[in-house]
Amino acid sequence: MEFKAKQIAELIGGRVEGDENASVRTFSKIEEGQEGAISFLSNPKYTHYLYETKSTIVLVNDDLVLEHPVETTLIRVPNAYEAVARLLQIYESMKPRKTGIDPLAFISEKATVGKDVYVGAFAYIGDGAVVGDGCQIAPQVYIGDGVRLGQQCQLFPHVTIYNGCQLGNRVTIHAGSVIGADGFGFAPSQEGYDKIPQIGVVIIEDDVEIGANTCVDRSTMGATIIHKGVKLDNLIQVAHNCEIGQNTVMSAQVGLAGSTKVGEWCMFGGQVGLAGHITVGDHVNLGAQSGVPSSVKGGQTLIGTPPMQPTAYFKSQAIFRRLPDMYKELDRLKKEVEQLKSK
């Protein structure tokens, strides 16, 4: 399917600079541009590609000042990154969606499946499960007894939803993720470790997206809760009884220990680790590999272990690199002091 520059500009509220009838049929990175493709430029580091790209159309910010003539057609928008995101969403929504139940799928007679649902081969839907209208259940997905899925959910291959867990509308879970496995609960005893039964559930609200091979454990009692609009990357561990506030995002390999509460609109970099039974306020940004041993008030940007303000952290790191030399100097001074005392 092809779109002309003037059609695209109307969709995203942009302004055409060049040939308004230039047409595109695919997307491309600006540095790999090709004829018939649309690209975008938002990072100034890539500006030089604008003057050599082969892409037919490029989305750029309104305030971009051209240093040289360009061959491509430009569409100027307030924010090129947001504009291409909207276009990709439109493009994705136009792809045909599968419907129907594959004959190799198993659906319990006690399950309820809504309208326009696709269930792929070797998928399993257990007793009492409810699958809402328009859901896409890929091959080899496991949906346990009593699981409830809202409308327009998408589960990719090998996703496992344990018994009793609840998903809202438009939830996307990528391949290999496990929702509702037992929390890590064991009580030390003279014989070793006694397992504490995990009798709670996981509740995932609307518009949540969870990356591949991420695990969200069921609670000991009550619920582990992922609130509306949360986005979790691949390889994240959310332990039992955790709660993640609305619109919080977490990069790969973040780990939350049990009963941790995270506020709304937080942003965690890769490999951030949070201790259990702590609270992180709203609008907290944690830099990659931060280790958080205690509660954090809202509205802060922190990095390091324990986390601190970025300026203090980088000053500390500069001093840390000098510690070997500082230690030698201190040792030398100590010897001088001892010599002076002996005299």
C-alpha atoms as a PDB file:
ATOM      1  CA  MET A   1       0.000   0.000   0.000  1.00  0.00           C
ATOM      2  CA  GLU A   2       1.331   3.412  -0.991  1.00  0.00           C
ATOM      3  CA  PHE A   3       0.839   6.811   0.627  1.00  0.00           C
ATOM      4  CA  LYS A   4       1.650  10.251  -0.743  1.00  0.00           C
ATOM      5  CA  ALA A   5       3.439  12.945   1.204  1.00  0.00           C
ATOM      6  CA  LYS A   6       0.337  15.142   1.420  1.00  0.00           C
ATOM      7  CA  GLN A   7      -1.694  12.212   2.829  1.00  0.00           C
ATOM      8  CA  ILE A   8       0.946  11.498   5.460  1.00  0.00           C
ATOM      9  CA  ALA A   9       1.156  15.174   6.409  1.00  0.00           C
ATOM     10  CA  GLU A  10      -2.604  15.261   6.961  1.00  0.00           C
ATOM     11  CA  LEU A  11      -2.441  12.177   9.194  1.00  0.00           C
ATOM     12  CA  ILE A  12       0.234  13.601  11.492  1.00  0.00           C
ATOM     13  CA  GLY A  13      -0.420  17.330  11.229  1.00  0.00           C
ATOM     14  CA  GLY A  14       2.768  18.050   9.288  1.00  0.00           C
ATOM     15  CA  ARG A  15       3.840  20.431   6.537  1.00  0.00           C
ATOM     16  CA  VAL A  16       5.264  19.192   3.208  1.00  0.00           C
ATOM     17  CA  GLU A  17       8.463  20.752   1.927  1.00  0.00           C
ATOM     18  CA  GLY A  18       9.107  19.390  -1.563  1.00  0.00           C
ATOM     19  CA  ASP A  19       7.014  17.105  -3.760  1.00  0.00           C
ATOM     20  CA  GLU A  20       3.627  16.623  -2.074  1.00  0.00           C
ATOM     21  CA  ASN A  21       2.880  13.750  -4.483  1.00  0.00           C
ATOM     22  CA  ALA A  22       6.014  11.791  -3.531  1.00  0.00           C
ATOM     23  CA  SER A  23       4.842   8.318  -2.553  1.00  0.00           C
ATOM     24  CA  VAL A  24       6.208   5.703  -0.158  1.00  0.00           C
ATOM     25  CA  ARG A  25       5.375   2.090   0.607  1.00  0.00           C
ATOM     26  CA  THR A  26       7.772   1.157   3.429  1.00  0.00           C
ATOM     27  CA  PHE A  27       9.841   2.481   6.337  1.00  0.00           C
ATOM     28  CA  SER A  28      13.621   2.753   6.522  1.00  0.00           C
ATOM     29  CA  LYS A  29      16.309   4.131   8.823  1.00  0.00           C
ATOM     30  CA  ILE A  30      17.684   7.364   7.407  1.00  0.00           C
ATOM     31  CA  GLU A  31      21.200   5.943   7.052  1.00  0.00           C
ATOM     32  CA  GLU A  32      19.810   2.974   5.098  1.00  0.00           C
ATOM     33  CA  GLY A  33      17.344   4.984   3.035  1.00  0.00           C
ATOM     34  CA  GLN A  34      15.947   3.649  -0.218  1.00  0.00           C
ATOM     35  CA  GLU A  35      13.574   4.839  -2.892  1.00  0.00           C
ATOM     36  CA  GLY A  36       9.949   4.426  -1.862  1.00  0.00           C
ATOM     37  CA  ALA A  37      10.754   4.571   1.860  1.00  0.00           C
ATOM     38  CA  ILE A  38       9.950   7.088   4.588  1.00  0.00           C
ATOM     39  CA  SER A  39      12.551   7.850   7.273  1.00  0.00           C
ATOM     40  CA  PHE A  40      12.778  10.245  10.189  1.00  0.00           C
ATOM     41  CA  LEU A  41      15.404  12.485  11.760  1.00  0.00           C
ATOM     42  CA  SER A  42      15.195  13.379  15.445  1.00  0.00           C
ATOM     43  CA  ASN A  43      18.752  12.868  16.741  1.00  0.00           C
ATOM     44  CA  PRO A  44      21.137  15.672  15.654  1.00  0.00           C
ATOM     45  CA  LYS A  45      23.965  13.097  15.383  1.00  0.00           C
ATOM     46  CA  TYR A  46      22.273  11.733  12.257  1.00  0.00           C
ATOM     47  CA  THR A  47      21.722  15.087  10.526  1.00  0.00           C
ATOM     48  CA  HIS A  48      24.475  14.495   7.964  1.00  0.00           C
ATOM     49  CA  TYR A  49      22.542  11.519   6.593  1.00  0.00           C
ATOM     50  CA  LEU A  50      19.732  13.850   5.544  1.00  0.00           C
ATOM     51  CA  TYR A  51      21.855  15.237   2.710  1.00  0.00           C
ATOM     52  CA  GLU A  52      22.731  11.834   1.272  1.00  0.00           C
ATOM     53  CA  THR A  53      19.777   9.577   2.096  1.00  0.00           C
ATOM     54  CA  LYS A  54      17.921   7.822  -0.711  1.00  0.00           C
ATOM     55  CA  SER A  55      14.641   7.812   1.201  1.00  0.00           C
ATOM     56  CA  THR A  56      11.799   9.446  -0.701  1.00  0.00           C
ATOM     57  CA  ILE A  57      10.362  11.215   2.361  1.00  0.00           C
ATOM     58  CA  VAL A  58      11.959  12.195   5.678  1.00  0.00           C
ATOM     59  CA  LEU A  59      10.131  13.427   8.772  1.00  0.00           C
ATOM     60  CA  VAL A  60      12.022  16.262  10.470  1.00  0.00           C
ATOM     61  CA  ASN A  61      11.415  18.657  13.352  1.00  0.00           C
ATOM     62  CA  ASP A  62       9.949  22.073  12.578  1.00  0.00           C
ATOM     63  CA  ASP A  63      13.036  23.867  13.888  1.00  0.00           C
ATOM     64  CA  LEU A  64      15.550  22.016  11.684  1.00  0.00           C
ATOM     65  CA  VAL A  65      17.719  24.480   9.729  1.00  0.00           C
ATOM     66  CA  LEU A  66      19.061  23.062   6.453  1.00  0.00           C
ATOM     67  CA  GLU A  67      22.776  23.631   5.854  1.00  0.00           C
ATOM     68  CA  HIS A  68      22.690  22.162   2.321  1.00  0.00           C
ATOM     69  CA  PRO A  69      20.034  21.411  -0.303  1.00  0.00           C
ATOM     70  CA  VAL A  70      18.269  18.049   0.015  1.00  0.00           C
ATOM     71  CA  GLU A  71      16.909  15.739  -2.681  1.00  0.00           C
ATOM     72  CA  THR A  72      14.299  14.100  -0.474  1.00  0.00           C
ATOM     73  CA  THR A  73      10.847  15.477   0.325  1.00  0.00           C
ATOM     74  CA  LEU A  74      10.587  16.726   3.897  1.00  0.00           C
ATOM     75  CA  ILE A  75       7.570  16.670   6.183  1.00  0.00           C
ATOM     76  CA  ARG A  76       8.074  19.088   9.052  1.00  0.00           C
ATOM     77  CA  VAL A  77       6.364  18.232  12.347  1.00  0.00           C
ATOM     78  CA  PRO A  78       6.713  19.431  15.961  1.00  0.00           C
ATOM     79  CA  ASN A  79       8.333  16.139  17.021  1.00  0.00           C
ATOM     80  CA  ALA A  80       9.626  13.720  14.368  1.00  0.00           C
ATOM     81  CA  TYR A  81      10.059  10.832  16.816  1.00  0.00           C
ATOM     82  CA  GLU A  82       6.449  11.040  18.001  1.00  0.00           C
ATOM     83  CA  ALA A  83       5.238  11.414  14.411  1.00  0.00           C
ATOM     84  CA  VAL A  84       6.979   8.271  13.173  1.00  0.00           C
ATOM     85  CA  ALA A  85       5.640   6.384  16.197  1.00  0.00           C
ATOM     86  CA  ARG A  86       2.097   7.369  15.193  1.00  0.00           C
ATOM     87  CA  LEU A  87       2.715   6.337  11.595  1.00  0.00           C
ATOM     88  CA  LEU A  88       4.088   2.964  12.676  1.00  0.00           C
ATOM     89  CA  GLN A  89       0.998   2.427  14.835  1.00  0.00           C
ATOM     90  CA  ILE A  90      -1.240   3.199  11.866  1.00  0.00           C
ATOM     91  CA  TYR A  91       0.827   0.903   9.645  1.00  0.00           C
ATOM     92  CA  GLU A  92       0.636  -1.913  12.195  1.00  0.00           C
ATOM     93  CA  SER A  93      -3.116  -1.514  12.614  1.00  0.00           C
ATOM     94  CA  MET A  94      -3.621  -1.972   8.870  1.00  0.00           C
ATOM     95  CA  LYS A  95      -2.004  -5.407   8.819  1.00  0.00           C
ATOM     96  CA  PRO A  96      -4.553  -8.218   8.462  1.00  0.00           C
ATOM     97  CA  ARG A  97      -5.388  -9.968  11.743  1.00  0.00           C
ATOM     98  CA  LYS A  98      -5.859 -13.714  11.912  1.00  0.00           C
ATOM     99  CA  THR A  99      -9.130 -15.127  13.174  1.00  0.00           C
ATOM    100  CA  GLY A 100     -10.425 -18.609  13.845  1.00  0.00           C
ATOM    101  CA  ILE A 101      -9.466 -21.568  15.977  1.00  0.00           C
ATOM    102  CA  ASP A 102      -6.764 -23.865  14.668  1.00  0.00           C
ATOM    103  CA  PRO A 103      -7.931 -27.492  14.773  1.00  0.00           C
ATOM    104  CA  LEU A 104      -4.779 -28.420  16.692  1.00  0.00           C
ATOM    105  CA  ALA A 105      -5.560 -25.982  19.541  1.00  0.00           C
ATOM    106  CA  PHE A 106      -7.169 -27.211  22.777  1.00  0.00           C
ATOM    107  CA  ILE A 107      -9.965 -25.149  24.315  1.00  0.00           C
ATOM    108  CA  SER A 108     -11.791 -26.470  27.355  1.00  0.00           C
ATOM    109  CA  GLU A 109     -15.537 -26.854  27.027  1.00  0.00           C
ATOM    110  CA  LYS A 110     -15.764 -24.780  30.205  1.00  0.00           C
ATOM    111  CA  ALA A 111     -13.821 -21.860  28.678  1.00  0.00           C
ATOM    112  CA  THR A 112     -15.417 -18.795  27.065  1.00  0.00           C
ATOM    113  CA  VAL A 113     -13.927 -17.377  23.875  1.00  0.00           C
ATOM    114  CA  GLY A 114     -15.145 -14.062  22.427  1.00  0.00           C
ATOM    115  CA  LYS A 115     -15.687 -12.884  18.866  1.00  0.00           C
ATOM    116  CA  ASP A 116     -12.977 -12.499  16.188  1.00  0.00           C
ATOM    117  CA  VAL A 117     -10.425 -14.407  18.277  1.00  0.00           C
ATOM    118  CA  TYR A 118      -7.452 -16.261  16.815  1.00  0.00           C
ATOM    119  CA  VAL A 119      -6.095 -19.314  18.619  1.00  0.00           C
ATOM    120  CA  GLY A 120      -3.044 -20.935  17.021  1.00  0.00           C
ATOM    121  CA  ALA A 121      -1.959 -24.548  16.838  1.00  0.00           C
ATOM    122  CA  PHE A 122      -1.096 -26.311  20.123  1.00  0.00           C
ATOM    123  CA  ALA A 123      -2.371 -23.415  22.234  1.00  0.00           C
ATOM    124  CA  TYR A 124      -4.100 -24.492  25.469  1.00  0.00           C
ATOM    125  CA  ILE A 125      -7.026 -22.709  27.148  1.00  0.00           C
ATOM    126  CA  GLY A 126      -8.104 -24.229  30.468  1.00  0.00           C
ATOM    127  CA  ASP A 127     -11.317 -24.648  32.421  1.00  0.00           C
ATOM    128  CA  GLY A 128     -13.178 -21.460  33.241  1.00  0.00           C
ATOM    129  CA  ALA A 129     -10.806 -19.244  31.239  1.00  0.00           C
ATOM    130  CA  VAL A 130     -12.314 -16.188  29.514  1.00  0.00           C
ATOM    131  CA  VAL A 131     -10.770 -14.790  26.329  1.00  0.00           C
ATOM    132  CA  GLY A 132     -12.163 -11.405  25.236  1.00  0.00           C
ATOM    133  CA  ASP A 133     -13.132 -10.271  21.750  1.00  0.00           C
ATOM    134  CA  GLY A 134     -10.367  -9.761  19.208  1.00  0.00           C
ATOM    135  CA  CYS A 135      -7.599 -11.508  21.139  1.00  0.00           C
ATOM    136  CA  GLN A 136      -4.675 -13.059  19.254  1.00  0.00           C
ATOM    137  CA  ILE A 137      -3.393 -16.246  20.884  1.00  0.00           C
ATOM    138  CA  ALA A 138      -0.291 -17.506  19.087  1.00  0.00           C
ATOM    139  CA  PRO A 139       0.684 -21.180  18.771  1.00  0.00           C
ATOM    140  CA  GLN A 140       1.868 -22.939  21.945  1.00  0.00           C
ATOM    141  CA  VAL A 141       0.471 -20.367  24.362  1.00  0.00           C
ATOM    142  CA  TYR A 142      -0.728 -21.758  27.717  1.00  0.00           C
ATOM    143  CA  ILE A 143      -3.721 -20.096  29.386  1.00  0.00           C
ATOM    144  CA  GLY A 144      -4.487 -21.776  32.711  1.00  0.00           C
ATOM    145  CA  ASP A 145      -7.767 -22.428  34.488  1.00  0.00           C
ATOM    146  CA  GLY A 146      -9.728 -19.339  35.456  1.00  0.00           C
ATOM    147  CA  VAL A 147      -7.528 -16.890  33.570  1.00  0.00           C
ATOM    148  CA  ARG A 148      -9.346 -13.791  32.294  1.00  0.00           C
ATOM    149  CA  LEU A 149      -8.222 -11.860  29.211  1.00  0.00           C
ATOM    150  CA  GLY A 150      -9.840  -8.578  28.195  1.00  0.00           C
ATOM    151  CA  GLN A 151     -10.378  -7.459  24.616  1.00  0.00           C
ATOM    152  CA  GLN A 152      -7.694  -7.120  21.926  1.00  0.00           C
ATOM    153  CA  CYS A 153      -4.933  -8.853  23.894  1.00  0.00           C
ATOM    154  CA  GLN A 154      -2.008 -10.345  21.988  1.00  0.00           C
ATOM    155  CA  LEU A 155      -0.010 -13.273  23.352  1.00  0.00           C
ATOM    156  CA  PHE A 156       3.013 -14.383  21.358  1.00  0.00           C
ATOM    157  CA  PRO A 157       4.331 -17.979  21.176  1.00  0.00           C
ATOM    158  CA  HIS A 158       5.227 -19.812  24.398  1.00  0.00           C
ATOM    159  CA  VAL A 159       3.617 -17.248  26.694  1.00  0.00           C
ATOM    160  CA  THR A 160       2.395 -18.933  29.888  1.00  0.00           C
ATOM    161  CA  ILE A 161      -0.419 -17.494  32.003  1.00  0.00           C
ATOM    162  CA  TYR A 162      -0.856 -19.453  35.236  1.00  0.00           C
ATOM    163  CA  ASN A 163      -4.225 -20.192  36.817  1.00  0.00           C
ATOM    164  CA  GLY A 164      -6.396 -17.329  38.001  1.00  0.00           C
ATOM    165  CA  CYS A 165      -4.401 -14.410  36.594  1.00  0.00           C
ATOM    166  CA  GLN A 166      -6.229 -11.445  35.081  1.00  0.00           C
ATOM    167  CA  LEU A 167      -5.331  -9.319  32.056  1.00  0.00           C
ATOM    168  CA  GLY A 168      -7.113  -6.129  31.016  1.00  0.00           C
ATOM    169  CA  ASN A 169      -7.737  -4.837  27.500  1.00  0.00           C
ATOM    170  CA  ARG A 170      -5.050  -4.429  24.836  1.00  0.00           C
ATOM    171  CA  VAL A 171      -2.354  -6.231  26.805  1.00  0.00           C
ATOM    172  CA  THR A 172       0.607  -7.469  24.737  1.00  0.00           C
ATOM    173  CA  ILE A 173       2.933 -10.172  26.078  1.00  0.00           C
ATOM    174  CA  HIS A 174       5.903 -11.282  24.018  1.00  0.00           C
ATOM    175  CA  ALA A 175       7.348 -14.743  23.518  1.00  0.00           C
ATOM    176  CA  GLY A 176       8.451 -16.848  26.451  1.00  0.00           C
ATOM    177  CA  SER A 177       7.120 -14.640  29.228  1.00  0.00           C
ATOM    178  CA  VAL A 178       5.578 -16.246  32.318  1.00  0.00           C
ATOM    179  CA  ILE A 179       2.780 -14.585  34.241  1.00  0.00           C
ATOM    180  CA  GLY A 180       1.786 -16.001  37.620  1.00  0.00           C
ATOM    181  CA  ALA A 181       4.554 -18.444  38.482  1.00  0.00           C
ATOM    182  CA  ASP A 182       5.059 -18.947  42.222  1.00  0.00           C
ATOM    183  CA  GLY A 183       6.783 -16.195  44.121  1.00  0.00           C
ATOM    184  CA  PHE A 184      10.120 -17.077  45.730  1.00  0.00           C
ATOM    185  CA  GLY A 185       8.733 -17.913  49.159  1.00  0.00           C
ATOM    186  CA  PHE A 186      10.545 -20.352  51.463  1.00  0.00           C
ATOM    187  CA  ALA A 187      10.771 -20.512  55.259  1.00  0.00           C
ATOM    188  CA  PRO A 188      14.056 -21.787  56.768  1.00  0.00           C
ATOM    189  CA  SER A 189      13.657 -24.842  58.984  1.00  0.00           C
ATOM    190  CA  GLN A 190      15.916 -27.454  60.597  1.00  0.00           C
ATOM    191  CA  GLU A 191      15.271 -29.674  57.614  1.00  0.00           C
ATOM    192  CA  GLY A 192      16.096 -27.027  54.996  1.00  0.00           C
ATOM    193  CA  TYR A 193      13.512 -24.714  53.441  1.00  0.00           C
ATOM    194  CA  ASP A 194       9.758 -25.179  53.647  1.00  0.00           C
ATOM    195  CA  LYS A 195       7.837 -23.856  50.676  1.00  0.00           C
ATOM    196  CA  ILE A 196       5.269 -21.158  51.429  1.00  0.00           C
ATOM    197  CA  PRO A 197       2.283 -21.728  49.120  1.00  0.00           C
ATOM    198  CA  GLN A 198       1.674 -18.776  46.811  1.00  0.00           C
ATOM    199  CA  ILE A 199      -2.100 -18.500  46.687  1.00  0.00           C
ATOM    200  CA  GLY A 200      -2.468 -15.024  45.168  1.00  0.00           C
ATOM    201  CA  VAL A 201      -2.688 -13.912  41.518  1.00  0.00           C
ATOM    202  CA  VAL A 202      -1.256 -11.425  39.022  1.00  0.00           C
ATOM    203  CA  ILE A 203      -3.432  -8.548  37.813  1.00  0.00           C
ATOM    204  CA  ILE A 204      -2.328  -6.727  34.657  1.00  0.00           C
ATOM    205  CA  GLU A 205      -4.366  -3.656  33.725  1.00  0.00           C
ATOM    206  CA  ASP A 206      -5.139  -2.132  30.307  1.00  0.00           C
ATOM    207  CA  ASP A 207      -2.539  -1.158  27.685  1.00  0.00           C
ATOM    208  CA  VAL A 208       0.396  -2.940  29.310  1.00  0.00           C
ATOM    209  CA  GLU A 209       3.178  -4.374  27.131  1.00  0.00           C
ATOM    210  CA  ILE A 210       5.586  -6.996  28.470  1.00  0.00           C
ATOM    211  CA  GLY A 211       8.735  -8.024  26.593  1.00  0.00           C
ATOM    212  CA  ALA A 212      10.098 -11.488  25.873  1.00  0.00           C
ATOM    213  CA  ASN A 213      11.176 -13.835  28.680  1.00  0.00           C
ATOM    214  CA  THR A 214       9.951 -11.558  31.446  1.00  0.00           C
ATOM    215  CA  CYS A 215       8.508 -13.082  34.624  1.00  0.00           C
ATOM    216  CA  VAL A 216       5.800 -11.600  36.830  1.00  0.00           C
ATOM    217  CA  ASP A 217       5.283 -13.799  39.911  1.00  0.00           C
ATOM    218  CA  ARG A 218       1.967 -14.377  41.645  1.00  0.00           C
ATOM    219  CA  SER A 219       1.572 -13.020  45.155  1.00  0.00           C
ATOM    220  CA  THR A 220       1.765 -14.982  48.374  1.00  0.00           C
ATOM    221  CA  MET A 221      -1.679 -13.563  49.166  1.00  0.00           C
ATOM    222  CA  GLY A 222      -3.608 -10.814  47.397  1.00  0.00           C
ATOM    223  CA  ALA A 223      -2.176  -9.743  44.013  1.00  0.00           C
ATOM    224  CA  THR A 224       0.944  -8.673  42.189  1.00  0.00           C
ATOM    225  CA  ILE A 225      -0.335  -5.658  40.224  1.00  0.00           C
ATOM    226  CA  ILE A 226       0.913  -4.084  36.990  1.00  0.00           C
ATOM    227  CA  HIS A 227      -1.101  -0.918  36.497  1.00  0.00           C
ATOM    228  CA  LYS A 228      -2.369   0.665  33.299  1.00  0.00           C
ATOM    229  CA  GLY A 229       0.095   1.706  30.592  1.00  0.00           C
ATOM    230  CA  VAL A 230       3.201   0.052  32.083  1.00  0.00           C
ATOM    231  CA  LYS A 231       5.876  -1.041  29.576  1.00  0.00           C
ATOM    232  CA  LEU A 232       8.330  -3.758  30.608  1.00  0.00           C
ATOM    233  CA  ASP A 233      11.310  -4.736  28.454  1.00  0.00           C
ATOM    234  CA  ASN A 234      12.702  -8.249  27.949  1.00  0.00           C
ATOM    235  CA  LEU A 235      14.219 -10.299  30.785  1.00  0.00           C
ATOM    236  CA  ILE A 236      12.647  -8.466  33.715  1.00  0.00           C
ATOM    237  CA  GLN A 237      11.834 -10.089  37.071  1.00  0.00           C
ATOM    238  CA  VAL A 238       8.858  -8.797  39.049  1.00  0.00           C
ATOM    239  CA  ALA A 239       8.612 -10.696  42.335  1.00  0.00           C
ATOM    240  CA  HIS A 240       5.575 -11.609  44.421  1.00  0.00           C
ATOM    241  CA  ASN A 241       3.327  -8.859  45.809  1.00  0.00           C
ATOM    242  CA  CYS A 242       5.041  -6.087  43.848  1.00  0.00           C
ATOM    243  CA  GLU A 243       3.037  -3.190  42.458  1.00  0.00           C
ATOM    244  CA  ILE A 244       4.066  -1.030  39.499  1.00  0.00           C
ATOM    245  CA  GLY A 245       2.292   2.305  38.983  1.00  0.00           C
ATOM    246  CA  GLN A 246       0.713   3.612  35.798  1.00  0.00           C
ATOM    247  CA  ASN A 247       2.884   4.443  32.786  1.00  0.00           C
ATOM    248  CA  THR A 248       6.143   3.330  34.377  1.00  0.00           C
ATOM    249  CA  VAL A 249       8.753   1.910  31.988  1.00  0.00           C
ATOM    250  CA  MET A 250      11.626  -0.485  32.748  1.00  0.00           C
ATOM    251  CA  SER A 251      14.555  -1.548  30.535  1.00  0.00           C
ATOM    252  CA  ALA A 252      15.962  -5.055  30.241  1.00  0.00           C
ATOM    253  CA  GLN A 253      17.170  -7.046  33.253  1.00  0.00           C
ATOM    254  CA  VAL A 254      15.540  -4.881  35.899  1.00  0.00           C
ATOM    255  CA  GLY A 255      14.780  -6.898  39.034  1.00  0.00           C
ATOM    256  CA  LEU A 256      12.212  -6.131  41.739  1.00  0.00           C
ATOM    257  CA  ALA A 257      12.363  -8.100  44.978  1.00  0.00           C
ATOM    258  CA  GLY A 258       9.181  -9.051  46.816  1.00  0.00           C
ATOM    259  CA  SER A 259       6.588  -6.512  47.993  1.00  0.00           C
ATOM    260  CA  THR A 260       8.269  -3.539  46.329  1.00  0.00           C
ATOM    261  CA  LYS A 261       5.949  -0.674  45.336  1.00  0.00           C
ATOM    262  CA  VAL A 262       6.910   1.503  42.367  1.00  0.00           C
ATOM    263  CA  GLY A 263       5.080   4.740  41.602  1.00  0.00           C
ATOM    264  CA  GLU A 264       3.678   6.220  38.410  1.00  0.00           C
ATOM    265  CA  TRP A 265       5.683   7.545  35.440  1.00  0.00           C
ATOM    266  CA  CYS A 266       9.002   6.120  36.651  1.00  0.00           C
ATOM    267  CA  MET A 267      11.825   5.230  34.252  1.00  0.00           C
ATOM    268  CA  PHE A 268      14.389   2.532  35.130  1.00  0.00           C
ATOM    269  CA  GLY A 269      17.496   1.855  33.035  1.00  0.00           C
ATOM    270  CA  GLY A 270      18.889  -1.596  32.340  1.00  0.00           C
ATOM    271  CA  GLN A 271      19.889  -3.882  35.242  1.00  0.00           C
ATOM    272  CA  VAL A 272      18.412  -1.705  37.971  1.00  0.00           C
ATOM    273  CA  GLY A 273      17.868  -3.763  41.131  1.00  0.00           C
ATOM    274  CA  LEU A 274      15.408  -2.939  43.906  1.00  0.00           C
ATOM    275  CA  ALA A 275      15.423  -4.488  47.380  1.00  0.00           C
ATOM    276  CA  GLY A 276      12.216  -5.920  48.785  1.00  0.00           C
ATOM    277  CA  HIS A 277       9.583  -4.145  50.900  1.00  0.00           C
ATOM    278  CA  ILE A 278      10.535  -0.641  49.746  1.00  0.00           C
ATOM    279  CA  THR A 279       8.567   2.137  48.058  1.00  0.00           C
ATOM    280  CA  VAL A 280       9.672   4.227  45.083  1.00  0.00           C
ATOM    281  CA  GLY A 281       7.722   7.447  44.564  1.00  0.00           C
ATOM    282  CA  ASP A 282       6.242   8.838  41.358  1.00  0.00           C
ATOM    283  CA  HIS A 283       8.430  10.273  38.571  1.00  0.00           C
ATOM    284  CA  VAL A 284      11.663   8.626  39.724  1.00  0.00           C
ATOM    285  CA  ASN A 285      14.377   8.022  37.106  1.00  0.00           C
ATOM    286  CA  LEU A 286      17.050   5.424  37.920  1.00  0.00           C
ATOM    287  CA  GLY A 287      20.170   5.123  35.786  1.00  0.00           C
ATOM    288  CA  ALA A 288      21.399   1.778  34.475  1.00  0.00           C
ATOM    289  CA  GLN A 289      22.766  -0.678  37.079  1.00  0.00           C
ATOM    290  CA  SER A 290      21.518   1.354  40.016  1.00  0.00           C
ATOM    291  CA  GLY A 291      21.063  -0.680  43.198  1.00  0.00           C
ATOM    292  CA  VAL A 292      18.280   0.576  45.456  1.00  0.00           C
ATOM    293  CA  PRO A 293      18.408  -0.750  49.068  1.00  0.00           C
ATOM    294  CA  SER A 294      15.788   1.564  50.617  1.00  0.00           C
ATOM    295  CA  SER A 295      12.760   3.665  49.737  1.00  0.00           C
ATOM    296  CA  VAL A 296      13.100   6.628  47.348  1.00  0.00           C
ATOM    297  CA  LYS A 297      11.035   9.823  47.380  1.00  0.00           C
ATOM    298  CA  GLY A 298       9.347  10.914  44.174  1.00  0.00           C
ATOM    299  CA  GLY A 299      10.630  13.349  41.563  1.00  0.00           C
ATOM    300  CA  GLN A 300      14.298  12.359  41.665  1.00  0.00           C
ATOM    301  CA  THR A 301      16.874  11.285  39.102  1.00  0.00           C
ATOM    302  CA  LEU A 302      19.438   8.946  40.668  1.00  0.00           C
ATOM    303  CA  ILE A 303      22.259   6.623  39.653  1.00  0.00           C
ATOM    304  CA  GLY A 304      24.681   4.241  41.343  1.00  0.00           C
ATOM    305  CA  THR A 305      24.657   1.899  44.353  1.00  0.00           C
ATOM    306  CA  PRO A 306      23.351   3.200  46.653  1.00  0.00           C
ATOM    307  CA  PRO A 307      21.772   5.667  44.239  1.00  0.00           C
ATOM    308  CA  MET A 308      22.712   9.329  44.398  1.00  0.00           C
ATOM    309  CA  GLN A 309      22.322  12.482  42.345  1.00  0.00           C
ATOM    310  CA  PRO A 310      24.133  12.164  38.973  1.00  0.00           C
ATOM    311  CA  THR A 311      26.566  15.050  39.641  1.00  0.00           C
ATOM    312  CA  ALA A 312      27.623  13.575  42.985  1.00  0.00           C
ATOM    313  CA  TYR A 313      27.873  10.111  41.449  1.00  0.00           C
ATOM    314  CA  PHE A 314      30.216  11.157  38.642  1.00  0.00           C
ATOM    315  CA  LYS A 315      32.371  13.192  41.041  1.00  0.00           C
ATOM    316  CA  SER A 316      32.599  10.131  43.285  1.00  0.00           C
ATOM    317  CA  GLN A 317      33.599   7.945  40.360  1.00  0.00           C
ATOM    318  CA  ALA A 318      36.360  10.387  39.423  1.00  0.00           C
ATOM    319  CA  ILE A 319      37.721  10.153  42.981  1.00  0.00           C
ATOM    320  CA  PHE A 320      37.323   6.364  43.021  1.00  0.00           C
ATOM    321  CA  ARG A 321      39.629   6.013  40.009  1.00  0.00           C
ATOM    322  CA  ARG A 322      42.292   7.972  41.876  1.00  0.00           C
ATOM    323  CA  LEU A 323      42.105   5.872  45.059  1.00  0.00           C
ATOM    324  CA  PRO A 324      45.202   3.702  44.321  1.00  0.00           C
ATOM    325  CA  ASP A 325      47.382   6.793  43.892  1.00  0.00           C
ATOM    326  CA  MET A 326      45.762   8.486  46.877  1.00  0.00           C
ATOM    327  CA  TYR A 327      46.441   5.374  48.985  1.00  0.00           C
ATOM    328  CA  LYS A 328      50.119   5.414  48.013  1.00  0.00           C
ATOM    329  CA  GLU A 329      50.346   9.117  48.853  1.00  0.00           C
ATOM    330  CA  LEU A 330      48.658   8.553  52.212  1.00  0.00           C
ATOM    331  CA  ASP A 331      51.024   5.684  53.017  1.00  0.00           C
ATOM    332  CA  ARG A 332      54.010   7.892  52.158  1.00  0.00           C
ATOM    333  CA  LEU A 333      52.710  10.712  54.380  1.00  0.00           C
ATOM    334  CA  LYS A 334      52.145   8.289  57.274  1.00  0.00           C
ATOM    335  CA  LYS A 335      55.765   7.143  57.060  1.00  0.00           C
ATOM    336  CA  GLU A 336      56.973  10.746  57.030  1.00  0.00           C
ATOM    337  CA  VAL A 337      54.876  11.536  60.097  1.00  0.00           C
ATOM    338  CA  GLU A 338      56.293   8.489  61.929  1.00  0.00           C
ATOM    339  CA  GLN A 339      59.828   9.577  61.053  1.00  0.00           C
ATOM    340  CA  LEU A 340      59.162  13.089  62.360  1.00  0.00           C
ATOM    341  CA  LYS A 341      57.690  11.671  65.583  1.00  0.00           C
ATOM    342  CA  SER A 342      60.772   9.474  66.116  1.00  0.00           C
ATOM    343  CA  LYS A 343      63.040  12.542  65.906  1.00  0.00           C
END
